[in-house]
C-alpha atoms as a PDB file:
ATOM      1  CA  MET A   1     -15.145  66.921  -6.335  1.00  0.00           C
ATOM      2  CA  SER A   2     -16.309  69.170  -9.152  1.00  0.00           C
ATOM      3  CA  GLN A   3     -16.416  72.176  -6.845  1.00  0.00           C
ATOM      4  CA  GLU A   4     -12.782  71.611  -5.819  1.00  0.00           C
ATOM      5  CA  ALA A   5     -11.785  71.355  -9.474  1.00  0.00           C
ATOM      6  CA  GLU A   6     -13.539  74.652 -10.192  1.00  0.00           C
ATOM      7  CA  THR A   7     -11.719  76.429  -7.351  1.00  0.00           C
ATOM      8  CA  GLN A   8      -8.391  75.124  -8.658  1.00  0.00           C
ATOM      9  CA  GLU A   9      -9.291  76.481 -12.110  1.00  0.00           C
ATOM     10  CA  ILE A  10     -10.142  79.864 -10.591  1.00  0.00           C
ATOM     11  CA  LYS A  11      -6.857  80.031  -8.655  1.00  0.00           C
ATOM     12  CA  ARG A  12      -4.971  79.101 -11.808  1.00  0.00           C
ATOM     13  CA  THR A  13      -6.509  81.950 -13.812  1.00  0.00           C
ATOM     14  CA  LEU A  14      -5.645  84.627 -11.233  1.00  0.00           C
ATOM     15  CA  ARG A  15      -1.949  84.530 -12.088  1.00  0.00           C
ATOM     16  CA  LYS A  16      -0.517  87.698 -13.609  1.00  0.00           C
ATOM     17  CA  GLU A  17       0.311  87.727 -17.304  1.00  0.00           C
ATOM     18  CA  ARG A  18       2.489  90.270 -19.062  1.00  0.00           C
ATOM     19  CA  VAL A  19       3.442  90.909 -22.689  1.00  0.00           C
ATOM     20  CA  GLY A  20       6.960  92.051 -23.479  1.00  0.00           C
ATOM     21  CA  VAL A  21       9.963  91.784 -25.765  1.00  0.00           C
ATOM     22  CA  VAL A  22      12.812  89.309 -25.249  1.00  0.00           C
ATOM     23  CA  VAL A  23      16.038  91.256 -24.706  1.00  0.00           C
ATOM     24  CA  SER A  24      18.307  88.270 -23.950  1.00  0.00           C
ATOM     25  CA  ASP A  25      18.220  84.520 -24.590  1.00  0.00           C
ATOM     26  CA  LYS A  26      21.857  83.721 -23.780  1.00  0.00           C
ATOM     27  CA  MET A  27      21.157  81.716 -20.608  1.00  0.00           C
ATOM     28  CA  ASP A  28      20.202  78.052 -20.576  1.00  0.00           C
ATOM     29  CA  SER A  29      16.362  77.733 -20.471  1.00  0.00           C
ATOM     30  CA  THR A  30      15.994  81.343 -19.276  1.00  0.00           C
ATOM     31  CA  ILE A  31      15.042  84.497 -21.154  1.00  0.00           C
ATOM     32  CA  ILE A  32      14.934  88.124 -20.050  1.00  0.00           C
ATOM     33  CA  VAL A  33      11.752  89.938 -21.053  1.00  0.00           C
ATOM     34  CA  ALA A  34      11.402  93.738 -21.007  1.00  0.00           C
ATOM     35  CA  VAL A  35       7.886  94.841 -20.086  1.00  0.00           C
ATOM     36  CA  VAL A  36       6.958  98.484 -20.679  1.00  0.00           C
ATOM     37  CA  ARG A  37       4.280 100.171 -18.557  1.00  0.00           C
ATOM     38  CA  ARG A  38       2.871 103.635 -19.154  1.00  0.00           C
ATOM     39  CA  VAL A  39       2.326 105.560 -15.911  1.00  0.00           C
ATOM     40  CA  PRO A  40       1.721 109.210 -15.031  1.00  0.00           C
ATOM     41  CA  HIS A  41       4.667 111.135 -13.599  1.00  0.00           C
ATOM     42  CA  PRO A  42       4.103 111.615  -9.848  1.00  0.00           C
ATOM     43  CA  LYS A  43       4.374 115.404  -9.964  1.00  0.00           C
ATOM     44  CA  PHE A  44       3.705 116.526 -13.531  1.00  0.00           C
ATOM     45  CA  ARG A  45       1.133 113.852 -14.569  1.00  0.00           C
ATOM     46  CA  LYS A  46       2.667 113.454 -18.016  1.00  0.00           C
ATOM     47  CA  ILE A  47       2.562 109.834 -19.225  1.00  0.00           C
ATOM     48  CA  ILE A  48       6.029 108.281 -19.078  1.00  0.00           C
ATOM     49  CA  LYS A  49       7.340 104.785 -19.864  1.00  0.00           C
ATOM     50  CA  ARG A  50       8.723 102.483 -17.176  1.00  0.00           C
ATOM     51  CA  THR A  51      10.565  99.309 -18.185  1.00  0.00           C
ATOM     52  CA  THR A  52      10.803  96.202 -16.008  1.00  0.00           C
ATOM     53  CA  LYS A  53      13.055  93.239 -16.802  1.00  0.00           C
ATOM     54  CA  LEU A  54      11.569  89.839 -15.951  1.00  0.00           C
ATOM     55  CA  TYR A  55      13.482  86.561 -15.888  1.00  0.00           C
ATOM     56  CA  ALA A  56      11.295  83.860 -17.461  1.00  0.00           C
ATOM     57  CA  HIS A  57      11.641  80.086 -17.801  1.00  0.00           C
ATOM     58  CA  ASP A  58      11.824  78.899 -21.420  1.00  0.00           C
ATOM     59  CA  GLU A  59      12.092  75.104 -21.226  1.00  0.00           C
ATOM     60  CA  LYS A  60      12.536  74.441 -24.959  1.00  0.00           C
ATOM     61  CA  GLY A  61      14.644  77.510 -25.700  1.00  0.00           C
ATOM     62  CA  GLU A  62      12.347  78.576 -28.537  1.00  0.00           C
ATOM     63  CA  ALA A  63      12.176  82.351 -27.832  1.00  0.00           C
ATOM     64  CA  LYS A  64      14.876  84.490 -29.402  1.00  0.00           C
ATOM     65  CA  ALA A  65      15.956  88.087 -28.817  1.00  0.00           C
ATOM     66  CA  GLY A  66      13.478  90.539 -30.343  1.00  0.00           C
ATOM     67  CA  ASP A  67      10.454  88.214 -30.076  1.00  0.00           C
ATOM     68  CA  LYS A  68       7.228  89.539 -28.565  1.00  0.00           C
ATOM     69  CA  VAL A  69       6.134  87.042 -25.886  1.00  0.00           C
ATOM     70  CA  ARG A  70       3.530  86.458 -23.187  1.00  0.00           C
ATOM     71  CA  VAL A  71       4.759  85.367 -19.742  1.00  0.00           C
ATOM     72  CA  ALA A  72       2.852  84.210 -16.644  1.00  0.00           C
ATOM     73  CA  GLU A  73       3.669  84.361 -12.971  1.00  0.00           C
ATOM     74  CA  ILE A  74       4.822  81.141 -11.245  1.00  0.00           C
ATOM     75  CA  LYS A  75       6.301  80.151  -7.905  1.00  0.00           C
ATOM     76  CA  PRO A  76       9.997  81.056  -7.617  1.00  0.00           C
ATOM     77  CA  MET A  77      12.278  78.737  -9.597  1.00  0.00           C
ATOM     78  CA  SER A  78      15.536  80.413  -8.591  1.00  0.00           C
ATOM     79  CA  LYS A  79      16.815  83.643  -7.062  1.00  0.00           C
ATOM     80  CA  ASN A  80      15.456  85.828  -9.879  1.00  0.00           C
ATOM     81  CA  LYS A  81      13.204  83.601 -11.999  1.00  0.00           C
ATOM     82  CA  ARG A  82       9.473  83.968 -11.182  1.00  0.00           C
ATOM     83  CA  TRP A  83       7.860  83.876 -14.640  1.00  0.00           C
ATOM     84  CA  ARG A  84       7.414  81.303 -17.402  1.00  0.00           C
ATOM     85  CA  LEU A  85       6.947  81.614 -21.139  1.00  0.00           C
ATOM     86  CA  ILE A  86       3.370  80.941 -22.304  1.00  0.00           C
ATOM     87  CA  GLU A  87       3.549  81.766 -25.996  1.00  0.00           C
ATOM     88  CA  ILE A  88       5.484  83.641 -28.644  1.00  0.00           C
ATOM     89  CA  LEU A  89       3.254  86.309 -30.194  1.00  0.00           C
ATOM     90  CA  ALA A  90       5.564  87.583 -32.935  1.00  0.00           C
ATOM     91  CA  HIS A  91       9.076  86.874 -34.212  1.00  0.00           C
END
């Protein structure tokens, strides 16, 4: 039994986590989080910023626009929502 519990723990920790800024909290129990990645330009190799908007589940509605938050990957909850709020890092 303990070995099965350990494998479940390992699977649980392999989920992706991202840190971003809440850009919208107008929906019911859903927030939109902007995550910025820094990647080299394909041709010129200069570092450029790429922004991705993630729809995250916020059950209690505690995150507000402008907050820095951490989100984790989950199974799809709706058409767009595949992340959930873990914690609010800064207001």
